[in-house]
Amino acid sequence: MIEVRNVTKQFASHTAVNNVSLSVARGETLVLLGTSGCGKTTTLKMMNRLIEPSGGSILIDGIDVRRESGPELRRRIGYVIQDGGLFPHYTVAEAIATVPKLLGWEPSAILERTRELMAKLQLPETALNRYPAELSGGQRQRVGLARALAARPPVVLMDEPFGALDPFTRRHVRRELFGLSELKETTVVLVTHDVSEALELADRIALMNQGSIVQIGPPDELLHNPATDFVKDFLDLY
């Protein structure tokens, strides 16, 4: 579903991402794991062209992402960030409807999809007219996911989606969200520096260091057959 081919990103004299290649299968959850500044968020943002690569190519469903404008590309890719990334002046209903409206959905179809997602994510319909400031952290994160899934995108990108939550809520919300059958059918790329989160959610982990992928594979493979001392040390506590 996603192919990243020899992608680099240069910021002035700093190489943030260095010749990264990876592929993500349809319906797979790939976690980009690593320390702060290792290039994982930059790699993620190049997939939906929030950041333009300096070199290499990225294909989604066989199509080079540069063949369409950034806004058009992002309408067909879900995107979830820390604390939901909600606009403070949008109600829950307006937030969830954002992409379907841009795609020209009928109001009745938008309302039906909104109610469906509210039920799946255990959000009360009474929250539809609330603003983000009136929601808990866990509710904001659920609304952020509902907005990302509203137009049924084949790919969802997540950048530290649970980072703003306390540890108890974080565990509860991520297990609830990744238990959704709808998300299991979606191709997901998730960025985190939390090892336990990566081990719990990933089909495969790409561990990054200094702009490069050090090892990529299923969680058990990284745990039991680390490719380098860095991989062993990073996962040592687990």
C-alpha atoms as a PDB file:
ATOM      1  CA  MET A   1       0.000   0.000   0.000  1.00  0.00           C
ATOM      2  CA  ILE A   2       2.906   2.344   0.786  1.00  0.00           C
ATOM      3  CA  GLU A   3       6.349   2.266  -0.792  1.00  0.00           C
ATOM      4  CA  VAL A   4       9.143   4.565   0.358  1.00  0.00           C
ATOM      5  CA  ARG A   5      12.108   4.384  -2.004  1.00  0.00           C
ATOM      6  CA  ASN A   6      15.519   5.827  -1.077  1.00  0.00           C
ATOM      7  CA  VAL A   7      13.975   8.904   0.505  1.00  0.00           C
ATOM      8  CA  THR A   8      16.152  11.637   1.972  1.00  0.00           C
ATOM      9  CA  LYS A   9      15.380  14.956   3.633  1.00  0.00           C
ATOM     10  CA  GLN A  10      17.938  17.705   4.029  1.00  0.00           C
ATOM     11  CA  PHE A  11      17.353  20.790   6.190  1.00  0.00           C
ATOM     12  CA  ALA A  12      20.229  23.143   5.294  1.00  0.00           C
ATOM     13  CA  SER A  13      23.338  21.184   6.309  1.00  0.00           C
ATOM     14  CA  HIS A  14      21.419  18.686   8.462  1.00  0.00           C
ATOM     15  CA  THR A  15      20.314  15.332   7.027  1.00  0.00           C
ATOM     16  CA  ALA A  16      17.109  14.476   8.889  1.00  0.00           C
ATOM     17  CA  VAL A  17      16.305  11.360   6.831  1.00  0.00           C
ATOM     18  CA  ASN A  18      19.032   9.455   5.032  1.00  0.00           C
ATOM     19  CA  ASN A  19      18.184   7.086   2.163  1.00  0.00           C
ATOM     20  CA  VAL A  20      15.201   5.411   3.848  1.00  0.00           C
ATOM     21  CA  SER A  21      13.345   2.619   2.057  1.00  0.00           C
ATOM     22  CA  LEU A  22      10.394   0.626   3.415  1.00  0.00           C
ATOM     23  CA  SER A  23       7.074  -0.819   2.354  1.00  0.00           C
ATOM     24  CA  VAL A  24       3.802  -1.208   4.225  1.00  0.00           C
ATOM     25  CA  ALA A  25       1.330  -3.902   3.206  1.00  0.00           C
ATOM     26  CA  ARG A  26      -2.378  -3.242   2.846  1.00  0.00           C
ATOM     27  CA  GLY A  27      -4.009  -3.489   6.284  1.00  0.00           C
ATOM     28  CA  GLU A  28      -0.660  -3.568   8.117  1.00  0.00           C
ATOM     29  CA  THR A  29       0.292  -1.416  11.117  1.00  0.00           C
ATOM     30  CA  LEU A  30       3.898  -0.255  10.856  1.00  0.00           C
ATOM     31  CA  VAL A  31       5.381   1.630  13.812  1.00  0.00           C
ATOM     32  CA  LEU A  32       8.239   4.087  13.287  1.00  0.00           C
ATOM     33  CA  LEU A  33      10.111   3.912  16.590  1.00  0.00           C
ATOM     34  CA  GLY A  34      13.149   5.795  17.841  1.00  0.00           C
ATOM     35  CA  THR A  35      14.544   8.579  19.957  1.00  0.00           C
ATOM     36  CA  SER A  36      13.638  12.253  19.514  1.00  0.00           C
ATOM     37  CA  GLY A  37      15.277  13.672  16.389  1.00  0.00           C
ATOM     38  CA  CYS A  38      15.861  10.321  14.679  1.00  0.00           C
ATOM     39  CA  GLY A  39      13.762  11.266  11.610  1.00  0.00           C
ATOM     40  CA  LYS A  40      10.612   9.255  12.264  1.00  0.00           C
ATOM     41  CA  THR A  41       8.151  12.184  12.211  1.00  0.00           C
ATOM     42  CA  THR A  42       9.860  13.695   9.163  1.00  0.00           C
ATOM     43  CA  THR A  43       9.508  10.328   7.391  1.00  0.00           C
ATOM     44  CA  LEU A  44       5.808  10.178   8.288  1.00  0.00           C
ATOM     45  CA  LYS A  45       5.116  13.744   7.139  1.00  0.00           C
ATOM     46  CA  MET A  46       6.752  13.109   3.782  1.00  0.00           C
ATOM     47  CA  MET A  47       4.148  10.402   3.144  1.00  0.00           C
ATOM     48  CA  ASN A  48       1.346  12.999   3.003  1.00  0.00           C
ATOM     49  CA  ARG A  49       3.595  15.818   1.759  1.00  0.00           C
ATOM     50  CA  LEU A  50       3.400  17.982   4.845  1.00  0.00           C
ATOM     51  CA  ILE A  51       7.170  17.880   4.259  1.00  0.00           C
ATOM     52  CA  GLU A  52       8.595  17.540   0.765  1.00  0.00           C
ATOM     53  CA  PRO A  53      11.462  15.033   0.369  1.00  0.00           C
ATOM     54  CA  SER A  54      14.835  16.185  -0.930  1.00  0.00           C
ATOM     55  CA  GLY A  55      15.269  12.947  -2.863  1.00  0.00           C
ATOM     56  CA  GLY A  56      13.704   9.564  -3.532  1.00  0.00           C
ATOM     57  CA  SER A  57      10.047   8.723  -4.099  1.00  0.00           C
ATOM     58  CA  ILE A  58       6.951   7.688  -2.152  1.00  0.00           C
ATOM     59  CA  LEU A  59       4.069   5.724  -3.665  1.00  0.00           C
ATOM     60  CA  ILE A  60       0.658   5.128  -2.109  1.00  0.00           C
ATOM     61  CA  ASP A  61      -1.390   2.389  -3.746  1.00  0.00           C
ATOM     62  CA  GLY A  62       1.049   2.450  -6.649  1.00  0.00           C
ATOM     63  CA  ILE A  63       0.728   6.204  -7.311  1.00  0.00           C
ATOM     64  CA  ASP A  64       3.596   8.636  -6.730  1.00  0.00           C
ATOM     65  CA  VAL A  65       2.393  11.171  -4.151  1.00  0.00           C
ATOM     66  CA  ARG A  66       3.867  13.990  -6.248  1.00  0.00           C
ATOM     67  CA  ARG A  67       1.332  13.351  -9.013  1.00  0.00           C
ATOM     68  CA  GLU A  68      -1.366  15.270  -7.137  1.00  0.00           C
ATOM     69  CA  SER A  69      -1.440  18.412  -5.026  1.00  0.00           C
ATOM     70  CA  GLY A  70      -0.730  18.192  -1.316  1.00  0.00           C
ATOM     71  CA  PRO A  71      -4.302  19.122  -0.273  1.00  0.00           C
ATOM     72  CA  GLU A  72      -5.837  16.537  -2.627  1.00  0.00           C
ATOM     73  CA  LEU A  73      -3.454  13.867  -1.359  1.00  0.00           C
ATOM     74  CA  ARG A  74      -4.257  14.638   2.287  1.00  0.00           C
ATOM     75  CA  ARG A  75      -7.989  14.310   1.656  1.00  0.00           C
ATOM     76  CA  ARG A  76      -7.483  10.606   0.976  1.00  0.00           C
ATOM     77  CA  ILE A  77      -5.071   9.970   3.847  1.00  0.00           C
ATOM     78  CA  GLY A  78      -6.206  10.089   7.470  1.00  0.00           C
ATOM     79  CA  TYR A  79      -3.924  11.997   9.833  1.00  0.00           C
ATOM     80  CA  VAL A  80      -3.974  11.897  13.639  1.00  0.00           C
ATOM     81  CA  ILE A  81      -1.696  13.907  15.901  1.00  0.00           C
ATOM     82  CA  GLN A  82      -1.211  14.418  19.615  1.00  0.00           C
ATOM     83  CA  ASP A  83      -4.356  15.517  21.495  1.00  0.00           C
ATOM     84  CA  GLY A  84      -6.446  14.993  18.346  1.00  0.00           C
ATOM     85  CA  GLY A  85      -5.190  18.133  16.573  1.00  0.00           C
ATOM     86  CA  LEU A  86      -8.674  19.656  16.665  1.00  0.00           C
ATOM     87  CA  PHE A  87      -9.510  23.252  15.738  1.00  0.00           C
ATOM     88  CA  PRO A  88     -10.770  24.997  18.910  1.00  0.00           C
ATOM     89  CA  HIS A  89     -13.616  26.756  17.045  1.00  0.00           C
ATOM     90  CA  TYR A  90     -14.993  23.570  15.416  1.00  0.00           C
ATOM     91  CA  THR A  91     -17.610  21.487  17.208  1.00  0.00           C
ATOM     92  CA  VAL A  92     -17.193  17.713  17.286  1.00  0.00           C
ATOM     93  CA  ALA A  93     -19.708  17.369  14.438  1.00  0.00           C
ATOM     94  CA  GLU A  94     -17.910  19.996  12.336  1.00  0.00           C
ATOM     95  CA  ALA A  95     -14.527  18.382  12.961  1.00  0.00           C
ATOM     96  CA  ILE A  96     -15.653  14.915  11.885  1.00  0.00           C
ATOM     97  CA  ALA A  97     -17.376  16.328   8.808  1.00  0.00           C
ATOM     98  CA  THR A  98     -14.322  18.255   7.565  1.00  0.00           C
ATOM     99  CA  VAL A  99     -13.017  15.874   4.875  1.00  0.00           C
ATOM    100  CA  PRO A 100     -16.386  14.447   3.747  1.00  0.00           C
ATOM    101  CA  LYS A 101     -17.560  18.048   3.142  1.00  0.00           C
ATOM    102  CA  LEU A 102     -14.453  18.783   1.087  1.00  0.00           C
ATOM    103  CA  LEU A 103     -15.163  15.637  -0.931  1.00  0.00           C
ATOM    104  CA  GLY A 104     -18.736  16.759  -1.618  1.00  0.00           C
ATOM    105  CA  TRP A 105     -20.652  14.220   0.459  1.00  0.00           C
ATOM    106  CA  GLU A 106     -24.372  14.788   0.962  1.00  0.00           C
ATOM    107  CA  PRO A 107     -25.295  16.159   4.429  1.00  0.00           C
ATOM    108  CA  SER A 108     -27.368  13.067   5.189  1.00  0.00           C
ATOM    109  CA  ALA A 109     -24.400  10.782   4.402  1.00  0.00           C
ATOM    110  CA  ILE A 110     -22.117  12.899   6.587  1.00  0.00           C
ATOM    111  CA  LEU A 111     -24.562  12.737   9.492  1.00  0.00           C
ATOM    112  CA  GLU A 112     -24.955   8.962   9.117  1.00  0.00           C
ATOM    113  CA  ARG A 113     -21.180   8.434   9.048  1.00  0.00           C
ATOM    114  CA  THR A 114     -20.687  10.783  12.015  1.00  0.00           C
ATOM    115  CA  ARG A 115     -23.212   8.909  14.133  1.00  0.00           C
ATOM    116  CA  GLU A 116     -21.660   5.582  13.113  1.00  0.00           C
ATOM    117  CA  LEU A 117     -18.202   6.700  14.228  1.00  0.00           C
ATOM    118  CA  MET A 118     -19.497   8.248  17.451  1.00  0.00           C
ATOM    119  CA  ALA A 119     -21.047   4.906  18.366  1.00  0.00           C
ATOM    120  CA  LYS A 120     -17.951   2.900  17.428  1.00  0.00           C
ATOM    121  CA  LEU A 121     -15.688   5.205  19.445  1.00  0.00           C
ATOM    122  CA  GLN A 122     -18.021   5.296  22.451  1.00  0.00           C
ATOM    123  CA  LEU A 123     -18.660   9.024  22.219  1.00  0.00           C
ATOM    124  CA  PRO A 124     -22.115  10.233  23.317  1.00  0.00           C
ATOM    125  CA  GLU A 125     -24.194  11.999  20.671  1.00  0.00           C
ATOM    126  CA  THR A 126     -24.626  14.806  23.197  1.00  0.00           C
ATOM    127  CA  ALA A 127     -20.971  15.656  22.463  1.00  0.00           C
ATOM    128  CA  LEU A 128     -21.681  16.544  18.824  1.00  0.00           C
ATOM    129  CA  ASN A 129     -22.156  20.240  19.571  1.00  0.00           C
ATOM    130  CA  ARG A 130     -19.324  20.515  22.083  1.00  0.00           C
ATOM    131  CA  TYR A 131     -15.972  22.185  21.430  1.00  0.00           C
ATOM    132  CA  PRO A 132     -12.566  20.587  22.124  1.00  0.00           C
ATOM    133  CA  ALA A 133     -12.117  22.568  25.356  1.00  0.00           C
ATOM    134  CA  GLU A 134     -15.254  20.881  26.707  1.00  0.00           C
ATOM    135  CA  LEU A 135     -13.890  17.359  26.125  1.00  0.00           C
ATOM    136  CA  SER A 136     -11.513  15.161  28.092  1.00  0.00           C
ATOM    137  CA  GLY A 137      -8.140  14.230  26.600  1.00  0.00           C
ATOM    138  CA  GLY A 138      -9.375  10.748  25.761  1.00  0.00           C
ATOM    139  CA  GLN A 139     -12.469  12.154  24.065  1.00  0.00           C
ATOM    140  CA  ARG A 140     -10.402  14.602  22.005  1.00  0.00           C
ATOM    141  CA  GLN A 141      -8.226  11.726  20.822  1.00  0.00           C
ATOM    142  CA  ARG A 142     -11.308   9.701  19.835  1.00  0.00           C
ATOM    143  CA  VAL A 143     -12.700  12.677  17.905  1.00  0.00           C
ATOM    144  CA  GLY A 144      -9.344  13.095  16.165  1.00  0.00           C
ATOM    145  CA  LEU A 145      -9.486   9.478  15.036  1.00  0.00           C
ATOM    146  CA  ALA A 146     -13.122   9.836  13.956  1.00  0.00           C
ATOM    147  CA  ARG A 147     -12.130  12.823  11.801  1.00  0.00           C
ATOM    148  CA  ALA A 148      -9.273  10.804  10.265  1.00  0.00           C
ATOM    149  CA  LEU A 149     -11.543   7.832   9.487  1.00  0.00           C
ATOM    150  CA  ALA A 150     -14.617   9.784   8.374  1.00  0.00           C
ATOM    151  CA  ALA A 151     -14.029   9.492   4.615  1.00  0.00           C
ATOM    152  CA  ARG A 152     -12.883   5.853   4.907  1.00  0.00           C
ATOM    153  CA  PRO A 153      -9.278   6.505   3.822  1.00  0.00           C
ATOM    154  CA  PRO A 154      -7.173   3.478   2.902  1.00  0.00           C
ATOM    155  CA  VAL A 155      -4.199   4.907   4.850  1.00  0.00           C
ATOM    156  CA  VAL A 156      -4.039   6.584   8.278  1.00  0.00           C
ATOM    157  CA  LEU A 157      -0.878   8.269   9.557  1.00  0.00           C
ATOM    158  CA  MET A 158      -0.498   8.815  13.318  1.00  0.00           C
ATOM    159  CA  ASP A 159       2.126  11.060  14.921  1.00  0.00           C
ATOM    160  CA  GLU A 160       2.473  10.386  18.672  1.00  0.00           C
ATOM    161  CA  PRO A 161      -1.334  10.174  18.883  1.00  0.00           C
ATOM    162  CA  PHE A 162      -1.440   9.255  22.569  1.00  0.00           C
ATOM    163  CA  GLY A 163       1.411  11.452  23.768  1.00  0.00           C
ATOM    164  CA  ALA A 164      -0.791  14.016  25.553  1.00  0.00           C
ATOM    165  CA  LEU A 165      -2.640  11.430  27.656  1.00  0.00           C
ATOM    166  CA  ASP A 166      -1.774  10.223  31.133  1.00  0.00           C
ATOM    167  CA  PRO A 167      -0.398   6.651  31.257  1.00  0.00           C
ATOM    168  CA  PHE A 168      -3.671   5.022  32.402  1.00  0.00           C
ATOM    169  CA  THR A 169      -5.854   6.788  29.815  1.00  0.00           C
ATOM    170  CA  ARG A 170      -3.178   6.248  27.158  1.00  0.00           C
ATOM    171  CA  ARG A 171      -3.256   2.455  27.573  1.00  0.00           C
ATOM    172  CA  HIS A 172      -7.052   2.346  27.723  1.00  0.00           C
ATOM    173  CA  VAL A 173      -7.640   4.546  24.659  1.00  0.00           C
ATOM    174  CA  ARG A 174      -5.049   2.907  22.408  1.00  0.00           C
ATOM    175  CA  ARG A 175      -6.394  -0.589  23.170  1.00  0.00           C
ATOM    176  CA  GLU A 176      -9.928   0.594  22.518  1.00  0.00           C
ATOM    177  CA  LEU A 177      -9.047   2.332  19.254  1.00  0.00           C
ATOM    178  CA  PHE A 178      -6.873  -0.439  17.856  1.00  0.00           C
ATOM    179  CA  GLY A 179      -9.590  -2.925  18.721  1.00  0.00           C
ATOM    180  CA  LEU A 180     -11.845  -1.325  16.114  1.00  0.00           C
ATOM    181  CA  SER A 181     -12.480  -3.643  13.178  1.00  0.00           C
ATOM    182  CA  GLU A 182     -12.423  -0.597  10.888  1.00  0.00           C
ATOM    183  CA  LEU A 183      -8.893   0.337  11.929  1.00  0.00           C
ATOM    184  CA  LYS A 184      -7.727  -3.265  11.532  1.00  0.00           C
ATOM    185  CA  GLU A 185      -8.688  -3.074   7.851  1.00  0.00           C
ATOM    186  CA  THR A 186      -6.777   0.200   7.351  1.00  0.00           C
ATOM    187  CA  THR A 187      -3.080   0.619   6.567  1.00  0.00           C
ATOM    188  CA  VAL A 188      -1.586   2.471   9.542  1.00  0.00           C
ATOM    189  CA  VAL A 189       1.814   4.104  10.028  1.00  0.00           C
ATOM    190  CA  LEU A 190       2.318   5.242  13.630  1.00  0.00           C
ATOM    191  CA  VAL A 191       5.185   7.270  15.100  1.00  0.00           C
ATOM    192  CA  THR A 192       6.135   6.784  18.744  1.00  0.00           C
ATOM    193  CA  HIS A 193       9.128   6.762  21.067  1.00  0.00           C
ATOM    194  CA  ASP A 194       7.239   4.491  23.504  1.00  0.00           C
ATOM    195  CA  VAL A 195       8.635   0.953  23.220  1.00  0.00           C
ATOM    196  CA  SER A 196       5.715  -0.734  25.005  1.00  0.00           C
ATOM    197  CA  GLU A 197       3.274   1.029  22.663  1.00  0.00           C
ATOM    198  CA  ALA A 198       5.217  -0.140  19.616  1.00  0.00           C
ATOM    199  CA  LEU A 199       5.389  -3.736  20.848  1.00  0.00           C
ATOM    200  CA  GLU A 200       1.654  -3.763  21.588  1.00  0.00           C
ATOM    201  CA  LEU A 201       0.381  -2.205  18.358  1.00  0.00           C
ATOM    202  CA  ALA A 202       2.828  -3.034  15.572  1.00  0.00           C
ATOM    203  CA  ASP A 203       2.692  -5.767  12.983  1.00  0.00           C
ATOM    204  CA  ARG A 204       6.220  -4.575  12.197  1.00  0.00           C
ATOM    205  CA  ILE A 205       8.538  -2.016  13.751  1.00  0.00           C
ATOM    206  CA  ALA A 206      11.017   0.193  11.891  1.00  0.00           C
ATOM    207  CA  LEU A 207      13.556   1.311  14.484  1.00  0.00           C
ATOM    208  CA  MET A 208      15.322   4.516  13.414  1.00  0.00           C
ATOM    209  CA  ASN A 209      18.494   6.215  14.555  1.00  0.00           C
ATOM    210  CA  GLN A 210      20.160   9.342  13.146  1.00  0.00           C
ATOM    211  CA  GLY A 211      17.934   9.464  10.076  1.00  0.00           C
ATOM    212  CA  SER A 212      18.259   5.814   9.037  1.00  0.00           C
ATOM    213  CA  ILE A 213      16.376   2.585   9.651  1.00  0.00           C
ATOM    214  CA  VAL A 214      18.550   0.370  11.835  1.00  0.00           C
ATOM    215  CA  GLN A 215      16.243  -2.652  11.759  1.00  0.00           C
ATOM    216  CA  ILE A 216      12.752  -3.410  10.488  1.00  0.00           C
ATOM    217  CA  GLY A 217      10.690  -6.486  11.289  1.00  0.00           C
ATOM    218  CA  PRO A 218       8.075  -8.014  13.593  1.00  0.00           C
ATOM    219  CA  PRO A 219       8.389  -7.032  17.280  1.00  0.00           C
ATOM    220  CA  ASP A 220       9.628 -10.489  18.319  1.00  0.00           C
ATOM    221  CA  GLU A 221      12.387 -10.363  15.722  1.00  0.00           C
ATOM    222  CA  LEU A 222      13.738  -7.063  17.062  1.00  0.00           C
ATOM    223  CA  LEU A 223      13.484  -8.295  20.648  1.00  0.00           C
ATOM    224  CA  HIS A 224      15.138 -11.672  20.144  1.00  0.00           C
ATOM    225  CA  ASN A 225      17.397 -11.027  17.136  1.00  0.00           C
ATOM    226  CA  PRO A 226      18.594  -7.420  17.386  1.00  0.00           C
ATOM    227  CA  ALA A 227      20.666  -6.429  14.364  1.00  0.00           C
ATOM    228  CA  THR A 228      22.946  -4.043  16.253  1.00  0.00           C
ATOM    229  CA  ASP A 229      23.926  -3.035  19.781  1.00  0.00           C
ATOM    230  CA  PHE A 230      21.742   0.060  19.370  1.00  0.00           C
ATOM    231  CA  VAL A 231      18.653  -2.120  18.785  1.00  0.00           C
ATOM    232  CA  LYS A 232      19.531  -4.324  21.757  1.00  0.00           C
ATOM    233  CA  ASP A 233      20.114  -1.344  24.054  1.00  0.00           C
ATOM    234  CA  PHE A 234      16.984   0.491  22.899  1.00  0.00           C
ATOM    235  CA  LEU A 235      14.766  -2.527  23.600  1.00  0.00           C
ATOM    236  CA  ASP A 236      16.808  -3.835  26.540  1.00  0.00           C
ATOM    237  CA  LEU A 237      14.245  -3.127  29.245  1.00  0.00           C
ATOM    238  CA  TYR A 238      11.597  -5.141  27.420  1.00  0.00           C
END
